[in-house]
């Protein structure tokens, strides 16, 4: 812009200099023609009259010629001056036209400069607006990117949390199912155990009933056998018992211990009539061995027995 202004200023100054030079060199003064002074009434020498007339006649022609020549010169000068003036006017008009053209050119250049400046200003403003828009868009993009990153981070955190929660729920569900299965298994095992225990109890009860029945039968059998052997033992003792009339209606209670073969290992009185007891003890000792069953259960009832001895009178 400074270079354009300097060029315009130099051009204007140059045109002004040319115009001043033309004006300075132009000479609008018309040179006055040289006038020959002619003596029309010269002093006549009386001594030479003919010569004077002749001279006058010659001078008049020369004057006319001279005047004509001068007039021609003057016309030529005037024509030249007019031509010079016309040339100056033409040159001045051309200079004016050149100045006007230069002014128009300078004006156009200035307009172009102003237009360029305006375009530059608009371009700068547009560039500034574009830069601002770009900056705003960049800021918005950065903000959107930051928001996106934050959203992605939050989404990842939420996904991780959700996955952790799902894993926890899965583990809890698996643990619940495991506990349920364990409880079901335990319940089933407990039920099976209860059923088994119930069955075993029922079996035991049945066996107990059967055993009780068998035991009862056995006991009855044993008691029957015991009673039988007690009767045999009583019969053996009675057979060895020495009695008299004083023992009539009296009795003695004895405890007798026997070996597996019926050998009497011990006998003692548990109370009763003294004479009966003494006779009964002697009778037991005299028998040495008493009848016993080879049945173990029956023997168990006989190896330590209590008998009431009554003399048969």
C-alpha atoms as a PDB file:
ATOM      1  CA  UNK A   1       0.000   0.000   0.000  1.00  0.00           C
ATOM      2  CA  UNK A   2       2.880   2.464   0.791  1.00  0.00           C
ATOM      3  CA  UNK A   3       4.584   1.567  -2.504  1.00  0.00           C
ATOM      4  CA  UNK A   4       1.375   2.309  -4.472  1.00  0.00           C
ATOM      5  CA  UNK A   5       0.948   5.718  -2.768  1.00  0.00           C
ATOM      6  CA  UNK A   6       4.572   6.619  -3.521  1.00  0.00           C
ATOM      7  CA  UNK A   7       4.132   5.675  -7.198  1.00  0.00           C
ATOM      8  CA  UNK A   8       1.002   7.820  -7.503  1.00  0.00           C
ATOM      9  CA  UNK A   9       2.734  10.780  -5.814  1.00  0.00           C
ATOM     10  CA  UNK A  10       5.762  10.506  -8.124  1.00  0.00           C
ATOM     11  CA  UNK A  11       3.504  10.352 -11.221  1.00  0.00           C
ATOM     12  CA  UNK A  12       1.567  13.500 -10.175  1.00  0.00           C
ATOM     13  CA  UNK A  13       4.783  15.420  -9.483  1.00  0.00           C
ATOM     14  CA  UNK A  14       6.217  14.325 -12.834  1.00  0.00           C
ATOM     15  CA  UNK A  15       3.162  15.636 -14.739  1.00  0.00           C
ATOM     16  CA  UNK A  16       3.265  18.899 -12.877  1.00  0.00           C
ATOM     17  CA  UNK A  17       6.968  19.243 -13.749  1.00  0.00           C
ATOM     18  CA  UNK A  18       6.267  18.600 -17.449  1.00  0.00           C
ATOM     19  CA  UNK A  19       3.447  21.169 -17.469  1.00  0.00           C
ATOM     20  CA  UNK A  20       5.648  23.750 -15.755  1.00  0.00           C
ATOM     21  CA  UNK A  21       8.413  23.122 -18.245  1.00  0.00           C
ATOM     22  CA  UNK A  22       6.051  23.655 -21.159  1.00  0.00           C
ATOM     23  CA  UNK A  23       4.696  26.838 -19.684  1.00  0.00           C
ATOM     24  CA  UNK A  24       8.212  28.063 -19.010  1.00  0.00           C
ATOM     25  CA  UNK A  25       9.416  27.429 -22.541  1.00  0.00           C
ATOM     26  CA  UNK A  26       6.330  28.900 -24.202  1.00  0.00           C
ATOM     27  CA  UNK A  27       6.862  32.524 -25.540  1.00  0.00           C
ATOM     28  CA  UNK A  28       3.558  34.225 -26.035  1.00  0.00           C
ATOM     29  CA  UNK A  29       5.252  37.594 -26.864  1.00  0.00           C
ATOM     30  CA  UNK A  30       5.042  38.441 -30.536  1.00  0.00           C
ATOM     31  CA  UNK A  31       8.230  40.012 -31.725  1.00  0.00           C
ATOM     32  CA  UNK A  32       7.654  43.482 -33.217  1.00  0.00           C
ATOM     33  CA  UNK A  33       8.807  43.638 -36.838  1.00  0.00           C
ATOM     34  CA  UNK A  34      11.760  45.728 -37.604  1.00  0.00           C
ATOM     35  CA  UNK A  35      10.517  48.950 -39.229  1.00  0.00           C
ATOM     36  CA  UNK A  36      12.731  50.562 -41.710  1.00  0.00           C
ATOM     37  CA  UNK A  37      12.769  54.209 -41.239  1.00  0.00           C
ATOM     38  CA  UNK A  38      12.206  55.875 -44.673  1.00  0.00           C
ATOM     39  CA  UNK A  39      12.750  59.424 -45.274  1.00  0.00           C
ATOM     40  CA  UNK A  40       9.856  60.543 -47.512  1.00  0.00           C
ATOM     41  CA  UNK A  41      10.898  64.153 -47.709  1.00  0.00           C
ATOM     42  CA  UNK A  42      14.669  64.155 -47.600  1.00  0.00           C
ATOM     43  CA  UNK A  43      16.425  67.277 -47.865  1.00  0.00           C
ATOM     44  CA  UNK A  44      16.912  67.952 -51.589  1.00  0.00           C
ATOM     45  CA  UNK A  45      20.110  69.171 -52.802  1.00  0.00           C
ATOM     46  CA  UNK A  46      19.344  71.779 -55.226  1.00  0.00           C
ATOM     47  CA  UNK A  47      22.320  70.764 -57.114  1.00  0.00           C
ATOM     48  CA  UNK A  48      21.052  67.201 -57.833  1.00  0.00           C
ATOM     49  CA  UNK A  49      17.212  67.121 -58.376  1.00  0.00           C
ATOM     50  CA  UNK A  50      17.063  64.222 -60.747  1.00  0.00           C
ATOM     51  CA  UNK A  51      18.960  61.966 -58.490  1.00  0.00           C
ATOM     52  CA  UNK A  52      16.583  62.590 -55.632  1.00  0.00           C
ATOM     53  CA  UNK A  53      13.534  61.631 -57.604  1.00  0.00           C
ATOM     54  CA  UNK A  54      15.246  58.530 -58.791  1.00  0.00           C
ATOM     55  CA  UNK A  55      16.310  57.625 -55.286  1.00  0.00           C
ATOM     56  CA  UNK A  56      12.853  58.217 -53.934  1.00  0.00           C
ATOM     57  CA  UNK A  57      11.379  56.037 -56.601  1.00  0.00           C
ATOM     58  CA  UNK A  58      13.827  53.280 -55.825  1.00  0.00           C
ATOM     59  CA  UNK A  59      13.393  53.501 -52.084  1.00  0.00           C
ATOM     60  CA  UNK A  60       9.630  53.336 -52.341  1.00  0.00           C
ATOM     61  CA  UNK A  61       9.801  50.075 -54.237  1.00  0.00           C
ATOM     62  CA  UNK A  62      12.337  48.753 -51.810  1.00  0.00           C
ATOM     63  CA  UNK A  63      10.154  49.846 -48.951  1.00  0.00           C
ATOM     64  CA  UNK A  64       7.153  48.118 -50.417  1.00  0.00           C
ATOM     65  CA  UNK A  65       9.232  45.073 -51.024  1.00  0.00           C
ATOM     66  CA  UNK A  66      10.634  45.341 -47.569  1.00  0.00           C
ATOM     67  CA  UNK A  67       7.189  45.856 -46.128  1.00  0.00           C
ATOM     68  CA  UNK A  68       5.910  42.920 -48.110  1.00  0.00           C
ATOM     69  CA  UNK A  69       8.844  40.859 -46.931  1.00  0.00           C
ATOM     70  CA  UNK A  70       8.344  41.977 -43.399  1.00  0.00           C
ATOM     71  CA  UNK A  71       4.650  41.269 -43.718  1.00  0.00           C
ATOM     72  CA  UNK A  72       5.442  37.831 -45.009  1.00  0.00           C
ATOM     73  CA  UNK A  73       7.918  37.328 -42.203  1.00  0.00           C
ATOM     74  CA  UNK A  74       5.373  38.656 -39.782  1.00  0.00           C
ATOM     75  CA  UNK A  75       2.708  36.363 -41.200  1.00  0.00           C
ATOM     76  CA  UNK A  76       5.153  33.474 -41.082  1.00  0.00           C
ATOM     77  CA  UNK A  77       6.067  34.404 -37.492  1.00  0.00           C
ATOM     78  CA  UNK A  78       2.411  34.834 -36.659  1.00  0.00           C
ATOM     79  CA  UNK A  79       1.582  31.481 -38.301  1.00  0.00           C
ATOM     80  CA  UNK A  80       4.537  29.878 -36.565  1.00  0.00           C
ATOM     81  CA  UNK A  81       3.515  31.487 -33.303  1.00  0.00           C
ATOM     82  CA  UNK A  82      -0.071  30.451 -33.816  1.00  0.00           C
ATOM     83  CA  UNK A  83       1.166  26.962 -34.659  1.00  0.00           C
ATOM     84  CA  UNK A  84       3.426  27.086 -31.606  1.00  0.00           C
ATOM     85  CA  UNK A  85       0.495  28.301 -29.498  1.00  0.00           C
ATOM     86  CA  UNK A  86      -1.704  25.623 -31.012  1.00  0.00           C
ATOM     87  CA  UNK A  87       1.029  23.099 -30.294  1.00  0.00           C
ATOM     88  CA  UNK A  88       1.325  24.455 -26.770  1.00  0.00           C
ATOM     89  CA  UNK A  89      -2.428  24.364 -26.374  1.00  0.00           C
ATOM     90  CA  UNK A  90      -2.457  20.900 -27.859  1.00  0.00           C
ATOM     91  CA  UNK A  91       0.422  19.899 -25.638  1.00  0.00           C
ATOM     92  CA  UNK A  92      -1.231  21.604 -22.668  1.00  0.00           C
ATOM     93  CA  UNK A  93      -4.531  19.902 -23.553  1.00  0.00           C
ATOM     94  CA  UNK A  94      -2.657  16.653 -23.957  1.00  0.00           C
ATOM     95  CA  UNK A  95      -0.899  17.314 -20.691  1.00  0.00           C
ATOM     96  CA  UNK A  96      -4.264  18.104 -19.101  1.00  0.00           C
ATOM     97  CA  UNK A  97      -5.668  14.963 -20.661  1.00  0.00           C
ATOM     98  CA  UNK A  98      -2.586  13.101 -19.456  1.00  0.00           C
ATOM     99  CA  UNK A  99      -3.011  14.661 -16.001  1.00  0.00           C
ATOM    100  CA  UNK A 100      -6.710  13.800 -16.052  1.00  0.00           C
ATOM    101  CA  UNK A 101      -5.868  10.309 -17.304  1.00  0.00           C
ATOM    102  CA  UNK A 102      -3.148  10.076 -14.687  1.00  0.00           C
ATOM    103  CA  UNK A 103      -5.568  11.414 -12.102  1.00  0.00           C
ATOM    104  CA  UNK A 104      -8.132   8.901 -13.292  1.00  0.00           C
ATOM    105  CA  UNK A 105      -5.435   6.236 -13.250  1.00  0.00           C
ATOM    106  CA  UNK A 106      -4.337   7.366  -9.820  1.00  0.00           C
ATOM    107  CA  UNK A 107      -7.974   7.521  -8.726  1.00  0.00           C
ATOM    108  CA  UNK A 108      -8.504   4.083 -10.221  1.00  0.00           C
ATOM    109  CA  UNK A 109      -5.327   2.902  -8.543  1.00  0.00           C
ATOM    110  CA  UNK A 110      -6.537   4.460  -5.312  1.00  0.00           C
ATOM    111  CA  UNK A 111      -9.921   2.891  -5.827  1.00  0.00           C
ATOM    112  CA  UNK A 112      -8.188  -0.367  -6.594  1.00  0.00           C
ATOM    113  CA  UNK A 113      -5.983   0.211  -3.540  1.00  0.00           C
ATOM    114  CA  UNK A 114      -9.036   0.988  -1.451  1.00  0.00           C
ATOM    115  CA  UNK A 115     -10.821  -1.979  -3.001  1.00  0.00           C
ATOM    116  CA  UNK A 116      -7.723  -4.065  -2.338  1.00  0.00           C
ATOM    117  CA  UNK A 117      -7.597  -2.674   1.192  1.00  0.00           C
ATOM    118  CA  UNK A 118     -11.328  -3.353   1.562  1.00  0.00           C
ATOM    119  CA  UNK A 119     -10.901  -6.820   0.122  1.00  0.00           C
ATOM    120  CA  UNK A 120      -7.877  -7.302   2.349  1.00  0.00           C
ATOM    121  CA  UNK A 121      -9.850  -5.959   5.308  1.00  0.00           C
ATOM    122  CA  UNK A 122     -12.781  -8.178   4.377  1.00  0.00           C
ATOM    123  CA  UNK A 123     -10.392 -11.079   3.810  1.00  0.00           C
ATOM    124  CA  UNK A 124      -8.693 -10.371   7.132  1.00  0.00           C
ATOM    125  CA  UNK A 125     -12.090 -10.004   8.821  1.00  0.00           C
ATOM    126  CA  UNK A 126     -13.283 -13.147   7.064  1.00  0.00           C
ATOM    127  CA  UNK A 127     -10.030 -14.887   7.983  1.00  0.00           C
ATOM    128  CA  UNK A 128     -10.448 -13.626  11.536  1.00  0.00           C
ATOM    129  CA  UNK A 129     -14.040 -14.821  11.574  1.00  0.00           C
ATOM    130  CA  UNK A 130     -12.930 -18.073   9.986  1.00  0.00           C
ATOM    131  CA  UNK A 131     -10.159 -18.343  12.574  1.00  0.00           C
ATOM    132  CA  UNK A 132     -12.647 -17.560  15.332  1.00  0.00           C
ATOM    133  CA  UNK A 133     -15.078 -20.085  13.837  1.00  0.00           C
ATOM    134  CA  UNK A 134     -12.230 -22.561  13.478  1.00  0.00           C
ATOM    135  CA  UNK A 135     -11.128 -21.824  17.056  1.00  0.00           C
ATOM    136  CA  UNK A 136     -14.716 -22.199  18.231  1.00  0.00           C
ATOM    137  CA  UNK A 137     -15.115 -25.355  16.187  1.00  0.00           C
ATOM    138  CA  UNK A 138     -11.778 -26.587  17.574  1.00  0.00           C
ATOM    139  CA  UNK A 139     -12.909 -25.738  21.093  1.00  0.00           C
ATOM    140  CA  UNK A 140     -16.250 -27.398  20.402  1.00  0.00           C
ATOM    141  CA  UNK A 141     -14.415 -30.380  18.908  1.00  0.00           C
ATOM    142  CA  UNK A 142     -12.077 -30.478  21.928  1.00  0.00           C
ATOM    143  CA  UNK A 143     -15.083 -30.160  24.217  1.00  0.00           C
ATOM    144  CA  UNK A 144     -16.961 -32.811  22.257  1.00  0.00           C
ATOM    145  CA  UNK A 145     -13.845 -35.018  22.302  1.00  0.00           C
ATOM    146  CA  UNK A 146     -13.419 -34.429  26.028  1.00  0.00           C
ATOM    147  CA  UNK A 147     -17.117 -35.101  26.576  1.00  0.00           C
ATOM    148  CA  UNK A 148     -16.835 -38.180  24.384  1.00  0.00           C
ATOM    149  CA  UNK A 149     -13.783 -39.359  26.319  1.00  0.00           C
ATOM    150  CA  UNK A 150     -15.565 -38.605  29.590  1.00  0.00           C
ATOM    151  CA  UNK A 151     -18.677 -40.388  28.308  1.00  0.00           C
ATOM    152  CA  UNK A 152     -16.580 -43.330  27.115  1.00  0.00           C
ATOM    153  CA  UNK A 153     -14.755 -43.373  30.457  1.00  0.00           C
ATOM    154  CA  UNK A 154     -18.054 -43.149  32.336  1.00  0.00           C
ATOM    155  CA  UNK A 155     -19.548 -45.801  30.057  1.00  0.00           C
ATOM    156  CA  UNK A 156     -16.493 -48.028  30.599  1.00  0.00           C
ATOM    157  CA  UNK A 157     -16.689 -47.442  34.351  1.00  0.00           C
ATOM    158  CA  UNK A 158     -20.422 -48.169  34.236  1.00  0.00           C
ATOM    159  CA  UNK A 159     -19.774 -51.249  32.082  1.00  0.00           C
ATOM    160  CA  UNK A 160     -17.023 -52.390  34.452  1.00  0.00           C
ATOM    161  CA  UNK A 161     -19.288 -51.733  37.405  1.00  0.00           C
ATOM    162  CA  UNK A 162     -22.166 -53.488  35.658  1.00  0.00           C
ATOM    163  CA  UNK A 163     -19.896 -56.407  34.749  1.00  0.00           C
ATOM    164  CA  UNK A 164     -18.573 -56.532  38.302  1.00  0.00           C
ATOM    165  CA  UNK A 165     -22.148 -56.426  39.566  1.00  0.00           C
ATOM    166  CA  UNK A 166     -23.155 -59.097  37.060  1.00  0.00           C
ATOM    167  CA  UNK A 167     -20.155 -61.187  38.119  1.00  0.00           C
ATOM    168  CA  UNK A 168     -21.074 -60.636  41.747  1.00  0.00           C
ATOM    169  CA  UNK A 169     -24.696 -61.545  41.000  1.00  0.00           C
ATOM    170  CA  UNK A 170     -23.544 -64.578  39.019  1.00  0.00           C
ATOM    171  CA  UNK A 171     -21.297 -65.634  41.888  1.00  0.00           C
ATOM    172  CA  UNK A 172     -24.083 -64.927  44.355  1.00  0.00           C
ATOM    173  CA  UNK A 173     -26.525 -66.842  42.154  1.00  0.00           C
ATOM    174  CA  UNK A 174     -24.030 -69.682  41.771  1.00  0.00           C
ATOM    175  CA  UNK A 175     -23.426 -69.616  45.536  1.00  0.00           C
ATOM    176  CA  UNK A 176     -27.193 -69.541  46.127  1.00  0.00           C
ATOM    177  CA  UNK A 177     -27.714 -72.440  43.753  1.00  0.00           C
ATOM    178  CA  UNK A 178     -24.786 -74.241  45.357  1.00  0.00           C
ATOM    179  CA  UNK A 179     -26.263 -73.623  48.808  1.00  0.00           C
ATOM    180  CA  UNK A 180     -29.684 -74.634  47.552  1.00  0.00           C
ATOM    181  CA  UNK A 181     -28.186 -77.736  45.952  1.00  0.00           C
ATOM    182  CA  UNK A 182     -26.196 -78.376  49.131  1.00  0.00           C
ATOM    183  CA  UNK A 183     -29.250 -77.773  51.276  1.00  0.00           C
ATOM    184  CA  UNK A 184     -31.303 -79.883  48.898  1.00  0.00           C
ATOM    185  CA  UNK A 185     -28.615 -82.539  48.973  1.00  0.00           C
ATOM    186  CA  UNK A 186     -28.429 -82.280  52.746  1.00  0.00           C
ATOM    187  CA  UNK A 187     -32.207 -82.265  52.964  1.00  0.00           C
ATOM    188  CA  UNK A 188     -32.337 -85.192  50.593  1.00  0.00           C
ATOM    189  CA  UNK A 189     -29.562 -86.888  52.524  1.00  0.00           C
ATOM    190  CA  UNK A 190     -31.342 -86.000  55.755  1.00  0.00           C
ATOM    191  CA  UNK A 191     -34.587 -87.282  54.292  1.00  0.00           C
ATOM    192  CA  UNK A 192     -32.841 -90.365  53.048  1.00  0.00           C
ATOM    193  CA  UNK A 193     -31.162 -90.691  56.440  1.00  0.00           C
ATOM    194  CA  UNK A 194     -34.501 -90.077  58.113  1.00  0.00           C
ATOM    195  CA  UNK A 195     -36.144 -92.585  55.836  1.00  0.00           C
ATOM    196  CA  UNK A 196     -33.256 -94.939  56.406  1.00  0.00           C
ATOM    197  CA  UNK A 197     -33.371 -94.282  60.116  1.00  0.00           C
ATOM    198  CA  UNK A 198     -37.119 -94.706  60.010  1.00  0.00           C
ATOM    199  CA  UNK A 199     -36.713 -97.875  58.031  1.00  0.00           C
ATOM    200  CA  UNK A 200     -33.935 -98.976  60.371  1.00  0.00           C
ATOM    201  CA  UNK A 201     -36.076 -97.990  63.334  1.00  0.00           C
ATOM    202  CA  UNK A 202     -39.005 -99.808  61.839  1.00  0.00           C
ATOM    203  CA  UNK A 203     -36.663-102.689  61.103  1.00  0.00           C
ATOM    204  CA  UNK A 204     -35.225-102.466  64.601  1.00  0.00           C
ATOM    205  CA  UNK A 205     -38.699-102.217  66.031  1.00  0.00           C
ATOM    206  CA  UNK A 206     -39.740-105.114  63.879  1.00  0.00           C
ATOM    207  CA  UNK A 207     -36.597-106.961  64.829  1.00  0.00           C
ATOM    208  CA  UNK A 208     -37.123-105.905  68.414  1.00  0.00           C
ATOM    209  CA  UNK A 209     -40.662-107.125  68.229  1.00  0.00           C
ATOM    210  CA  UNK A 210     -39.505-110.289  66.594  1.00  0.00           C
ATOM    211  CA  UNK A 211     -36.640-110.553  69.073  1.00  0.00           C
ATOM    212  CA  UNK A 212     -39.025-109.723  71.886  1.00  0.00           C
ATOM    213  CA  UNK A 213     -41.383-112.298  70.596  1.00  0.00           C
ATOM    214  CA  UNK A 214     -38.549-114.733  70.159  1.00  0.00           C
ATOM    215  CA  UNK A 215     -37.109-113.642  73.485  1.00  0.00           C
ATOM    216  CA  UNK A 216     -40.469-114.021  75.044  1.00  0.00           C
ATOM    217  CA  UNK A 217     -40.803-117.396  73.528  1.00  0.00           C
ATOM    218  CA  UNK A 218     -37.214-118.094  74.459  1.00  0.00           C
ATOM    219  CA  UNK A 219     -37.768-116.701  77.919  1.00  0.00           C
ATOM    220  CA  UNK A 220     -40.780-118.807  78.270  1.00  0.00           C
ATOM    221  CA  UNK A 221     -38.792-121.703  77.004  1.00  0.00           C
ATOM    222  CA  UNK A 222     -35.916-120.805  79.350  1.00  0.00           C
ATOM    223  CA  UNK A 223     -38.297-120.294  82.241  1.00  0.00           C
ATOM    224  CA  UNK A 224     -39.930-123.520  81.395  1.00  0.00           C
ATOM    225  CA  UNK A 225     -36.537-125.192  81.280  1.00  0.00           C
ATOM    226  CA  UNK A 226     -35.448-123.321  84.405  1.00  0.00           C
ATOM    227  CA  UNK A 227     -38.609-124.392  86.163  1.00  0.00           C
ATOM    228  CA  UNK A 228     -37.992-127.904  84.996  1.00  0.00           C
ATOM    229  CA  UNK A 229     -34.422-127.957  86.258  1.00  0.00           C
ATOM    230  CA  UNK A 230     -35.433-126.189  89.439  1.00  0.00           C
ATOM    231  CA  UNK A 231     -37.934-128.958  89.944  1.00  0.00           C
ATOM    232  CA  UNK A 232     -35.213-131.524  89.279  1.00  0.00           C
ATOM    233  CA  UNK A 233     -32.865-129.718  91.650  1.00  0.00           C
ATOM    234  CA  UNK A 234     -35.628-129.515  94.268  1.00  0.00           C
ATOM    235  CA  UNK A 235     -36.332-133.206  93.753  1.00  0.00           C
ATOM    236  CA  UNK A 236     -32.609-134.032  94.195  1.00  0.00           C
ATOM    237  CA  UNK A 237     -32.356-131.938  97.335  1.00  0.00           C
ATOM    238  CA  UNK A 238     -35.621-133.392  98.725  1.00  0.00           C
ATOM    239  CA  UNK A 239     -34.272-136.848  98.130  1.00  0.00           C
ATOM    240  CA  UNK A 240     -31.257-136.139 100.334  1.00  0.00           C
ATOM    241  CA  UNK A 241     -33.107-134.067 102.924  1.00  0.00           C
ATOM    242  CA  UNK A 242     -33.283-135.603 106.422  1.00  0.00           C
ATOM    243  CA  UNK A 243     -36.538-134.506 108.066  1.00  0.00           C
ATOM    244  CA  UNK A 244     -38.557-135.102 111.238  1.00  0.00           C
ATOM    245  CA  UNK A 245     -41.938-134.089 112.607  1.00  0.00           C
ATOM    246  CA  UNK A 246     -40.524-130.882 114.126  1.00  0.00           C
ATOM    247  CA  UNK A 247     -39.964-129.465 110.620  1.00  0.00           C
ATOM    248  CA  UNK A 248     -43.570-129.770 109.630  1.00  0.00           C
ATOM    249  CA  UNK A 249     -44.883-126.526 108.196  1.00  0.00           C
ATOM    250  CA  UNK A 250     -41.443-124.883 108.283  1.00  0.00           C
ATOM    251  CA  UNK A 251     -39.106-123.801 105.461  1.00  0.00           C
ATOM    252  CA  UNK A 252     -35.708-122.347 104.591  1.00  0.00           C
ATOM    253  CA  UNK A 253     -34.563-120.148 101.761  1.00  0.00           C
ATOM    254  CA  UNK A 254     -31.203-121.096 100.193  1.00  0.00           C
ATOM    255  CA  UNK A 255     -28.839-119.487  97.647  1.00  0.00           C
ATOM    256  CA  UNK A 256     -27.027-122.074  95.576  1.00  0.00           C
ATOM    257  CA  UNK A 257     -24.235-121.403  93.095  1.00  0.00           C
ATOM    258  CA  UNK A 258     -23.419-123.979  90.475  1.00  0.00           C
ATOM    259  CA  UNK A 259     -20.627-124.609  87.983  1.00  0.00           C
ATOM    260  CA  UNK A 260     -21.375-125.276  84.307  1.00  0.00           C
ATOM    261  CA  UNK A 261     -21.448-129.000  85.033  1.00  0.00           C
ATOM    262  CA  UNK A 262     -23.817-128.692  88.001  1.00  0.00           C
ATOM    263  CA  UNK A 263     -21.104-128.822  90.658  1.00  0.00           C
ATOM    264  CA  UNK A 264     -22.200-126.936  93.775  1.00  0.00           C
ATOM    265  CA  UNK A 265     -19.612-124.230  94.355  1.00  0.00           C
ATOM    266  CA  UNK A 266     -21.423-122.533  97.246  1.00  0.00           C
ATOM    267  CA  UNK A 267     -24.572-122.814  99.322  1.00  0.00           C
ATOM    268  CA  UNK A 268     -25.837-120.535 102.072  1.00  0.00           C
ATOM    269  CA  UNK A 269     -29.016-119.771 103.980  1.00  0.00           C
ATOM    270  CA  UNK A 270     -31.049-116.729 103.115  1.00  0.00           C
ATOM    271  CA  UNK A 271     -33.315-117.155 106.128  1.00  0.00           C
ATOM    272  CA  UNK A 272     -35.852-119.545 107.574  1.00  0.00           C
ATOM    273  CA  UNK A 273     -36.069-122.307 110.165  1.00  0.00           C
ATOM    274  CA  UNK A 274     -32.630-123.193 111.490  1.00  0.00           C
ATOM    275  CA  UNK A 275     -33.198-126.941 111.503  1.00  0.00           C
ATOM    276  CA  UNK A 276     -34.689-126.892 108.045  1.00  0.00           C
ATOM    277  CA  UNK A 277     -31.828-124.709 106.788  1.00  0.00           C
ATOM    278  CA  UNK A 278     -29.163-126.984 108.252  1.00  0.00           C
ATOM    279  CA  UNK A 279     -30.871-130.076 106.835  1.00  0.00           C
ATOM    280  CA  UNK A 280     -31.252-128.408 103.464  1.00  0.00           C
ATOM    281  CA  UNK A 281     -27.593-127.301 103.335  1.00  0.00           C
ATOM    282  CA  UNK A 282     -26.474-130.840 104.218  1.00  0.00           C
ATOM    283  CA  UNK A 283     -28.734-132.268 101.556  1.00  0.00           C
ATOM    284  CA  UNK A 284     -27.212-129.894  98.907  1.00  0.00           C
ATOM    285  CA  UNK A 285     -23.684-130.742  99.865  1.00  0.00           C
ATOM    286  CA  UNK A 286     -24.519-134.445  99.841  1.00  0.00           C
ATOM    287  CA  UNK A 287     -25.713-134.222  96.256  1.00  0.00           C
ATOM    288  CA  UNK A 288     -22.326-132.811  95.170  1.00  0.00           C
ATOM    289  CA  UNK A 289     -23.680-132.016  91.663  1.00  0.00           C
ATOM    290  CA  UNK A 290     -27.134-130.860  90.703  1.00  0.00           C
ATOM    291  CA  UNK A 291     -28.864-131.243  87.352  1.00  0.00           C
ATOM    292  CA  UNK A 292     -28.199-128.263  84.972  1.00  0.00           C
ATOM    293  CA  UNK A 293     -29.067-127.633  81.350  1.00  0.00           C
ATOM    294  CA  UNK A 294     -26.472-127.485  78.662  1.00  0.00           C
ATOM    295  CA  UNK A 295     -28.431-124.530  77.237  1.00  0.00           C
ATOM    296  CA  UNK A 296     -26.444-121.460  78.125  1.00  0.00           C
ATOM    297  CA  UNK A 297     -29.501-119.280  78.688  1.00  0.00           C
ATOM    298  CA  UNK A 298     -31.038-121.843  80.937  1.00  0.00           C
ATOM    299  CA  UNK A 299     -27.731-122.327  82.775  1.00  0.00           C
ATOM    300  CA  UNK A 300     -27.467-118.551  83.306  1.00  0.00           C
ATOM    301  CA  UNK A 301     -30.772-118.745  85.175  1.00  0.00           C
ATOM    302  CA  UNK A 302     -29.562-121.750  87.212  1.00  0.00           C
ATOM    303  CA  UNK A 303     -25.966-120.915  88.145  1.00  0.00           C
ATOM    304  CA  UNK A 304     -27.072-118.574  90.891  1.00  0.00           C
ATOM    305  CA  UNK A 305     -30.517-119.581  92.118  1.00  0.00           C
ATOM    306  CA  UNK A 306     -32.598-119.066  95.212  1.00  0.00           C
ATOM    307  CA  UNK A 307     -34.766-121.962  96.379  1.00  0.00           C
ATOM    308  CA  UNK A 308     -37.308-122.312  99.129  1.00  0.00           C
ATOM    309  CA  UNK A 309     -37.000-125.732 100.804  1.00  0.00           C
ATOM    310  CA  UNK A 310     -40.065-127.176 102.478  1.00  0.00           C
ATOM    311  CA  UNK A 311     -39.847-130.599 104.018  1.00  0.00           C
ATOM    312  CA  UNK A 312     -42.412-133.021 102.606  1.00  0.00           C
ATOM    313  CA  UNK A 313     -44.193-134.405 105.753  1.00  0.00           C
END
